[in-house]
Amino acid sequence: MSAVTRLYTPDILALAVRLAEQPLDPGHPHHGRARSASCGSTLELSLALDDQQRIAALGARAQACAIGQASAALFLDGATGQSSAQLDRSRAALRAWLTDEGPRPDWPGIDLLEPARAFPARHGAILLPWDAALDALSPGGNRR
């Protein structure tokens, strides 16, 4: 089995395709962007918050590899109801898991990204949605 076959599993490819179901929404008040230095993948997120400052609605536009798109789809599946602090903690847990310094984070479906852990050049793409969301929610961030 080739490295590409191990990386781009049917589950990863199915997630990547699903990302199109939640397009970027220019009407959302918060917008963030992230770029992976290792592969050049980019992701833009649009967010709306509820009255408790938790994510209520999301959209995305990716120019990313299938791994980045799959990660974004998983992020969109699990981010509703999350606060900025919760996203920051889950990003730290995800980064630790990717580098074998922590257990698998508690995020719905994250186990589907398991094959990409063996490819450090893809770790930046996996972190894209968390980075874009934190950019959108940062003080003085990209509000519209």
N, C-alpha and C. Protein backbone atom coordinates (compact mmCIF):
# COMPACT_ATOMS: atom_id res chain seq x y z
N MET A 1 0.85 -1.17 0.00
CA MET A 1 0.00 0.00 0.00
C MET A 1 0.89 1.24 0.00
N SER A 2 0.61 2.16 -0.91
CA SER A 2 1.43 3.36 -1.00
C SER A 2 1.09 4.34 0.12
N ALA A 3 2.01 5.28 0.36
CA ALA A 3 1.79 6.29 1.39
C ALA A 3 0.54 7.11 1.09
N VAL A 4 0.32 7.43 -0.18
CA VAL A 4 -0.85 8.22 -0.56
C VAL A 4 -2.14 7.45 -0.27
N THR A 5 -2.13 6.16 -0.55
CA THR A 5 -3.30 5.32 -0.28
C THR A 5 -3.60 5.28 1.22
N ARG A 6 -2.55 5.19 2.02
CA ARG A 6 -2.74 5.17 3.48
C ARG A 6 -3.26 6.50 4.00
N LEU A 7 -2.85 7.60 3.36
CA LEU A 7 -3.23 8.93 3.81
C LEU A 7 -4.64 9.31 3.34
N TYR A 8 -4.90 9.13 2.07
CA TYR A 8 -6.18 9.54 1.51
C TYR A 8 -7.16 8.38 1.51
N THR A 9 -7.65 8.06 2.70
CA THR A 9 -8.59 6.96 2.87
C THR A 9 -9.96 7.36 2.33
N PRO A 10 -10.83 6.40 2.06
CA PRO A 10 -12.19 6.75 1.63
C PRO A 10 -12.90 7.66 2.64
N ASP A 11 -12.67 7.46 3.94
CA ASP A 11 -13.29 8.32 4.94
C ASP A 11 -12.81 9.76 4.83
N ILE A 12 -11.52 9.95 4.62
CA ILE A 12 -10.95 11.29 4.47
C ILE A 12 -11.54 11.96 3.23
N LEU A 13 -11.59 11.24 2.13
CA LEU A 13 -12.11 11.82 0.89
C LEU A 13 -13.59 12.15 1.01
N ALA A 14 -14.35 11.33 1.70
CA ALA A 14 -15.78 11.61 1.90
C ALA A 14 -15.96 12.87 2.75
N LEU A 15 -15.15 13.04 3.77
CA LEU A 15 -15.22 14.25 4.59
C LEU A 15 -14.88 15.49 3.76
N ALA A 16 -13.84 15.37 2.95
CA ALA A 16 -13.41 16.51 2.13
C ALA A 16 -14.54 16.98 1.22
N VAL A 17 -15.27 16.06 0.64
CA VAL A 17 -16.38 16.41 -0.24
C VAL A 17 -17.51 17.07 0.55
N ARG A 18 -17.74 16.62 1.77
CA ARG A 18 -18.81 17.16 2.61
C ARG A 18 -18.62 18.62 2.98
N LEU A 19 -17.40 19.10 2.92
CA LEU A 19 -17.13 20.48 3.31
C LEU A 19 -17.96 21.46 2.48
N ALA A 20 -18.26 21.12 1.25
CA ALA A 20 -19.03 22.00 0.36
C ALA A 20 -20.45 22.25 0.87
N GLU A 21 -20.92 21.45 1.81
CA GLU A 21 -22.28 21.60 2.34
C GLU A 21 -22.45 22.83 3.23
N GLN A 22 -21.35 23.41 3.69
CA GLN A 22 -21.42 24.59 4.57
C GLN A 22 -20.51 25.68 4.02
N PRO A 23 -20.96 26.38 2.97
CA PRO A 23 -20.10 27.40 2.36
C PRO A 23 -19.90 28.62 3.26
N LEU A 24 -18.85 29.33 2.97
CA LEU A 24 -18.56 30.59 3.66
C LEU A 24 -19.77 31.51 3.54
N ASP A 25 -20.13 32.16 4.63
CA ASP A 25 -21.28 33.06 4.62
C ASP A 25 -20.81 34.49 4.87
N PRO A 26 -20.82 35.33 3.84
CA PRO A 26 -20.36 36.71 4.03
C PRO A 26 -21.20 37.50 5.04
N GLY A 27 -22.39 37.01 5.36
CA GLY A 27 -23.25 37.68 6.33
C GLY A 27 -22.89 37.41 7.78
N HIS A 28 -22.06 36.39 8.03
CA HIS A 28 -21.64 36.13 9.40
C HIS A 28 -20.74 37.28 9.88
N PRO A 29 -20.86 37.66 11.14
CA PRO A 29 -20.10 38.81 11.64
C PRO A 29 -18.61 38.55 11.91
N HIS A 30 -18.21 37.30 12.02
CA HIS A 30 -16.81 36.99 12.34
C HIS A 30 -16.21 36.17 11.19
N HIS A 31 -15.02 36.59 10.76
CA HIS A 31 -14.33 35.89 9.68
C HIS A 31 -12.87 35.70 10.07
N GLY A 32 -12.36 34.51 9.80
CA GLY A 32 -10.97 34.21 10.10
C GLY A 32 -10.33 33.46 8.96
N ARG A 33 -9.03 33.51 8.93
CA ARG A 33 -8.28 32.85 7.86
C ARG A 33 -7.04 32.23 8.47
N ALA A 34 -6.64 31.09 7.92
CA ALA A 34 -5.41 30.44 8.36
C ALA A 34 -4.73 29.83 7.14
N ARG A 35 -3.41 29.74 7.25
CA ARG A 35 -2.59 29.15 6.18
C ARG A 35 -1.59 28.21 6.81
N SER A 36 -1.44 27.04 6.22
CA SER A 36 -0.45 26.08 6.69
C SER A 36 0.89 26.40 6.05
N ALA A 37 1.87 26.67 6.88
CA ALA A 37 3.22 26.97 6.37
C ALA A 37 3.85 25.76 5.70
N SER A 38 3.46 24.55 6.13
CA SER A 38 4.11 23.36 5.58
C SER A 38 3.61 22.97 4.19
N CYS A 39 2.35 23.26 3.88
CA CYS A 39 1.83 22.82 2.58
C CYS A 39 1.16 23.93 1.78
N GLY A 40 0.95 25.10 2.37
CA GLY A 40 0.34 26.21 1.66
C GLY A 40 -1.18 26.18 1.63
N SER A 41 -1.79 25.18 2.22
CA SER A 41 -3.25 25.12 2.27
C SER A 41 -3.80 26.32 3.03
N THR A 42 -4.96 26.83 2.60
CA THR A 42 -5.60 27.93 3.30
C THR A 42 -7.06 27.58 3.58
N LEU A 43 -7.58 28.22 4.62
CA LEU A 43 -8.97 28.03 4.99
C LEU A 43 -9.51 29.34 5.52
N GLU A 44 -10.70 29.70 5.05
CA GLU A 44 -11.43 30.84 5.58
C GLU A 44 -12.67 30.31 6.27
N LEU A 45 -12.99 30.87 7.43
CA LEU A 45 -14.19 30.51 8.16
C LEU A 45 -15.03 31.75 8.40
N SER A 46 -16.33 31.57 8.39
CA SER A 46 -17.25 32.61 8.82
C SER A 46 -18.01 32.06 10.01
N LEU A 47 -18.21 32.90 11.02
CA LEU A 47 -18.84 32.46 12.26
C LEU A 47 -19.88 33.47 12.73
N ALA A 48 -20.90 32.95 13.35
CA ALA A 48 -21.85 33.77 14.09
C ALA A 48 -21.92 33.19 15.50
N LEU A 49 -22.05 34.06 16.48
CA LEU A 49 -22.08 33.65 17.88
C LEU A 49 -23.47 33.86 18.48
N ASP A 50 -23.75 33.08 19.50
CA ASP A 50 -25.00 33.28 20.24
C ASP A 50 -24.76 34.32 21.34
N ASP A 51 -25.75 34.56 22.18
CA ASP A 51 -25.62 35.59 23.21
C ASP A 51 -24.66 35.22 24.33
N GLN A 52 -24.21 33.95 24.36
CA GLN A 52 -23.21 33.52 25.34
C GLN A 52 -21.80 33.44 24.72
N GLN A 53 -21.66 34.01 23.54
CA GLN A 53 -20.38 34.03 22.83
C GLN A 53 -19.89 32.64 22.44
N ARG A 54 -20.81 31.79 22.10
CA ARG A 54 -20.50 30.44 21.61
C ARG A 54 -20.91 30.37 20.15
N ILE A 55 -20.22 29.53 19.39
CA ILE A 55 -20.50 29.42 17.96
C ILE A 55 -21.92 28.92 17.74
N ALA A 56 -22.66 29.66 16.91
CA ALA A 56 -24.03 29.29 16.57
C ALA A 56 -24.16 28.89 15.11
N ALA A 57 -23.31 29.41 14.24
CA ALA A 57 -23.37 29.10 12.81
C ALA A 57 -21.98 29.24 12.22
N LEU A 58 -21.70 28.42 11.22
CA LEU A 58 -20.37 28.42 10.59
C LEU A 58 -20.48 28.21 9.08
N GLY A 59 -19.46 28.63 8.40
CA GLY A 59 -19.29 28.35 6.99
C GLY A 59 -17.80 28.33 6.68
N ALA A 60 -17.42 27.72 5.57
CA ALA A 60 -15.99 27.61 5.24
C ALA A 60 -15.76 27.66 3.74
N ARG A 61 -14.56 28.11 3.40
CA ARG A 61 -14.06 28.04 2.02
C ARG A 61 -12.60 27.61 2.13
N ALA A 62 -12.27 26.52 1.47
CA ALA A 62 -10.93 25.96 1.57
C ALA A 62 -10.23 25.95 0.22
N GLN A 63 -8.98 26.23 0.26
CA GLN A 63 -8.06 25.95 -0.83
C GLN A 63 -6.99 25.08 -0.18
N ALA A 64 -7.38 23.84 0.05
CA ALA A 64 -6.56 22.96 0.87
C ALA A 64 -6.57 21.55 0.29
N CYS A 65 -5.61 20.78 0.73
CA CYS A 65 -5.56 19.37 0.38
C CYS A 65 -6.75 18.66 1.01
N ALA A 66 -6.96 17.42 0.64
CA ALA A 66 -8.09 16.65 1.17
C ALA A 66 -8.01 16.53 2.69
N ILE A 67 -6.81 16.49 3.25
CA ILE A 67 -6.67 16.40 4.70
C ILE A 67 -7.18 17.68 5.36
N GLY A 68 -6.80 18.83 4.83
CA GLY A 68 -7.28 20.10 5.36
C GLY A 68 -8.78 20.24 5.22
N GLN A 69 -9.31 19.81 4.09
CA GLN A 69 -10.76 19.87 3.88
C GLN A 69 -11.48 18.92 4.83
N ALA A 70 -10.94 17.73 5.03
CA ALA A 70 -11.56 16.76 5.93
C ALA A 70 -11.55 17.30 7.36
N SER A 71 -10.44 17.88 7.77
CA SER A 71 -10.34 18.45 9.11
C SER A 71 -11.35 19.57 9.28
N ALA A 72 -11.51 20.40 8.26
CA ALA A 72 -12.48 21.49 8.33
C ALA A 72 -13.90 20.95 8.45
N ALA A 73 -14.22 19.89 7.72
CA ALA A 73 -15.55 19.29 7.82
C ALA A 73 -15.80 18.76 9.24
N LEU A 74 -14.79 18.12 9.82
CA LEU A 74 -14.94 17.64 11.21
C LEU A 74 -15.10 18.81 12.18
N PHE A 75 -14.35 19.86 11.93
CA PHE A 75 -14.45 21.04 12.78
C PHE A 75 -15.87 21.61 12.72
N LEU A 76 -16.40 21.76 11.51
CA LEU A 76 -17.75 22.30 11.35
C LEU A 76 -18.79 21.41 12.03
N ASP A 77 -18.55 20.10 12.00
CA ASP A 77 -19.47 19.17 12.66
C ASP A 77 -19.51 19.35 14.18
N GLY A 78 -18.38 19.73 14.77
CA GLY A 78 -18.29 19.75 16.23
C GLY A 78 -18.18 21.10 16.88
N ALA A 79 -18.09 22.18 16.11
CA ALA A 79 -17.79 23.49 16.70
C ALA A 79 -19.00 24.23 17.25
N THR A 80 -20.19 23.90 16.80
CA THR A 80 -21.37 24.61 17.29
C THR A 80 -21.48 24.44 18.81
N GLY A 81 -21.67 25.56 19.48
CA GLY A 81 -21.77 25.56 20.94
C GLY A 81 -20.44 25.77 21.65
N GLN A 82 -19.35 25.82 20.91
CA GLN A 82 -18.02 25.98 21.50
C GLN A 82 -17.68 27.46 21.68
N SER A 83 -16.99 27.76 22.77
CA SER A 83 -16.48 29.11 23.02
C SER A 83 -15.04 29.20 22.50
N SER A 84 -14.53 30.39 22.46
CA SER A 84 -13.14 30.60 22.04
C SER A 84 -12.18 29.84 22.96
N ALA A 85 -12.42 29.87 24.26
CA ALA A 85 -11.55 29.16 25.21
C ALA A 85 -11.60 27.65 24.97
N GLN A 86 -12.78 27.12 24.69
CA GLN A 86 -12.89 25.69 24.42
C GLN A 86 -12.14 25.32 23.13
N LEU A 87 -12.25 26.17 22.11
CA LEU A 87 -11.54 25.91 20.86
C LEU A 87 -10.04 25.95 21.07
N ASP A 88 -9.58 26.88 21.88
CA ASP A 88 -8.16 26.99 22.17
C ASP A 88 -7.65 25.72 22.86
N ARG A 89 -8.42 25.22 23.82
CA ARG A 89 -8.03 23.98 24.52
C ARG A 89 -8.06 22.78 23.57
N SER A 90 -9.07 22.70 22.73
CA SER A 90 -9.13 21.55 21.82
C SER A 90 -8.03 21.63 20.77
N ARG A 91 -7.63 22.83 20.36
CA ARG A 91 -6.51 22.96 19.42
C ARG A 91 -5.22 22.46 20.06
N ALA A 92 -5.00 22.83 21.32
CA ALA A 92 -3.80 22.38 22.03
C ALA A 92 -3.80 20.86 22.17
N ALA A 93 -4.96 20.28 22.48
CA ALA A 93 -5.05 18.82 22.60
C ALA A 93 -4.82 18.15 21.25
N LEU A 94 -5.33 18.74 20.19
CA LEU A 94 -5.14 18.18 18.85
C LEU A 94 -3.66 18.22 18.46
N ARG A 95 -3.02 19.33 18.71
CA ARG A 95 -1.59 19.46 18.39
C ARG A 95 -0.76 18.43 19.17
N ALA A 96 -1.08 18.26 20.45
CA ALA A 96 -0.37 17.27 21.26
C ALA A 96 -0.58 15.86 20.71
N TRP A 97 -1.80 15.53 20.32
CA TRP A 97 -2.09 14.21 19.75
C TRP A 97 -1.33 13.99 18.45
N LEU A 98 -1.29 15.01 17.61
CA LEU A 98 -0.60 14.87 16.33
C LEU A 98 0.88 14.57 16.50
N THR A 99 1.47 15.08 17.56
CA THR A 99 2.91 14.90 17.80
C THR A 99 3.20 13.83 18.86
N ASP A 100 2.22 12.96 19.11
CA ASP A 100 2.37 11.86 20.08
C ASP A 100 2.69 12.35 21.49
N GLU A 101 2.22 13.54 21.84
CA GLU A 101 2.47 14.07 23.17
C GLU A 101 1.20 14.11 24.02
N GLY A 102 0.14 13.50 23.52
CA GLY A 102 -1.11 13.50 24.26
C GLY A 102 -2.09 12.50 23.66
N PRO A 103 -3.18 12.22 24.39
CA PRO A 103 -4.18 11.29 23.89
C PRO A 103 -5.02 11.93 22.77
N ARG A 104 -5.77 11.10 22.10
CA ARG A 104 -6.67 11.60 21.07
C ARG A 104 -7.64 12.59 21.71
N PRO A 105 -7.79 13.77 21.09
CA PRO A 105 -8.69 14.77 21.67
C PRO A 105 -10.15 14.34 21.58
N ASP A 106 -10.95 14.91 22.45
CA ASP A 106 -12.37 14.64 22.47
C ASP A 106 -13.06 15.57 21.47
N TRP A 107 -13.08 15.15 20.21
CA TRP A 107 -13.74 15.92 19.15
C TRP A 107 -14.43 14.91 18.25
N PRO A 108 -15.68 15.11 17.93
CA PRO A 108 -16.42 14.12 17.13
C PRO A 108 -15.72 13.80 15.81
N GLY A 109 -15.46 12.52 15.59
CA GLY A 109 -14.90 12.05 14.33
C GLY A 109 -13.41 12.22 14.15
N ILE A 110 -12.71 12.77 15.13
CA ILE A 110 -11.29 13.07 14.96
C ILE A 110 -10.47 11.81 14.66
N ASP A 111 -10.97 10.66 15.08
CA ASP A 111 -10.28 9.41 14.81
C ASP A 111 -10.13 9.15 13.31
N LEU A 112 -10.98 9.75 12.49
CA LEU A 112 -10.87 9.57 11.04
C LEU A 112 -9.59 10.19 10.47
N LEU A 113 -8.99 11.12 11.22
CA LEU A 113 -7.74 11.74 10.79
C LEU A 113 -6.50 10.98 11.25
N GLU A 114 -6.71 9.88 11.93
CA GLU A 114 -5.60 9.06 12.45
C GLU A 114 -4.52 8.78 11.39
N PRO A 115 -4.88 8.41 10.15
CA PRO A 115 -3.83 8.11 9.17
C PRO A 115 -2.89 9.29 8.90
N ALA A 116 -3.36 10.51 9.07
CA ALA A 116 -2.54 11.69 8.77
C ALA A 116 -1.52 12.00 9.86
N ARG A 117 -1.65 11.38 11.01
CA ARG A 117 -0.66 11.63 12.08
C ARG A 117 0.74 11.24 11.65
N ALA A 118 0.86 10.25 10.79
CA ALA A 118 2.16 9.77 10.33
C ALA A 118 2.79 10.69 9.28
N PHE A 119 2.10 11.77 8.92
CA PHE A 119 2.57 12.69 7.89
C PHE A 119 2.67 14.10 8.48
N PRO A 120 3.79 14.43 9.14
CA PRO A 120 3.93 15.74 9.80
C PRO A 120 3.69 16.93 8.87
N ALA A 121 3.94 16.78 7.59
CA ALA A 121 3.70 17.88 6.65
C ALA A 121 2.21 18.20 6.53
N ARG A 122 1.35 17.32 6.99
CA ARG A 122 -0.10 17.55 6.93
C ARG A 122 -0.68 18.06 8.26
N HIS A 123 0.14 18.10 9.29
CA HIS A 123 -0.36 18.54 10.59
C HIS A 123 -0.87 19.98 10.55
N GLY A 124 -0.18 20.85 9.82
CA GLY A 124 -0.64 22.23 9.68
C GLY A 124 -2.00 22.32 9.02
N ALA A 125 -2.25 21.46 8.04
CA ALA A 125 -3.54 21.44 7.36
C ALA A 125 -4.64 20.97 8.32
N ILE A 126 -4.32 20.05 9.19
CA ILE A 126 -5.31 19.56 10.17
C ILE A 126 -5.68 20.67 11.15
N LEU A 127 -4.74 21.50 11.52
CA LEU A 127 -4.98 22.57 12.49
C LEU A 127 -5.66 23.80 11.88
N LEU A 128 -5.77 23.85 10.55
CA LEU A 128 -6.32 25.04 9.88
C LEU A 128 -7.65 25.53 10.45
N PRO A 129 -8.65 24.68 10.62
CA PRO A 129 -9.93 25.23 11.07
C PRO A 129 -9.87 25.82 12.48
N TRP A 130 -9.11 25.22 13.35
CA TRP A 130 -8.97 25.78 14.70
C TRP A 130 -8.26 27.12 14.63
N ASP A 131 -7.21 27.19 13.82
CA ASP A 131 -6.47 28.45 13.68
C ASP A 131 -7.34 29.55 13.07
N ALA A 132 -8.13 29.20 12.06
CA ALA A 132 -9.01 30.20 11.42
C ALA A 132 -10.10 30.66 12.39
N ALA A 133 -10.66 29.74 13.16
CA ALA A 133 -11.69 30.11 14.12
C ALA A 133 -11.13 31.01 15.21
N LEU A 134 -9.95 30.67 15.71
CA LEU A 134 -9.34 31.50 16.75
C LEU A 134 -8.96 32.87 16.20
N ASP A 135 -8.58 32.93 14.92
CA ASP A 135 -8.32 34.21 14.28
C ASP A 135 -9.60 35.04 14.23
N ALA A 136 -10.70 34.42 13.85
CA ALA A 136 -11.98 35.11 13.77
C ALA A 136 -12.46 35.62 15.12
N LEU A 137 -12.16 34.88 16.17
CA LEU A 137 -12.66 35.22 17.50
C LEU A 137 -11.66 35.98 18.35
N SER A 138 -10.50 36.27 17.81
CA SER A 138 -9.48 36.98 18.59
C SER A 138 -9.90 38.44 18.83
N PRO A 139 -9.45 39.02 19.95
CA PRO A 139 -9.75 40.44 20.19
C PRO A 139 -9.23 41.28 19.04
N GLY A 140 -10.09 42.13 18.53
CA GLY A 140 -9.70 42.96 17.38
C GLY A 140 -9.59 42.14 16.10
N GLY A 141 -10.17 40.92 16.12
CA GLY A 141 -10.10 40.04 14.95
C GLY A 141 -10.90 40.55 13.78
N ASN A 142 -11.16 39.68 12.88
CA ASN A 142 -11.78 40.00 11.59
C ASN A 142 -13.30 40.06 11.69
N ARG A 143 -13.80 41.08 12.32
CA ARG A 143 -15.25 41.23 12.44
C ARG A 143 -15.77 42.09 11.31
N ARG A 144 -16.98 41.76 10.86
CA ARG A 144 -17.59 42.55 9.77
C ARG A 144 -18.85 43.19 10.25
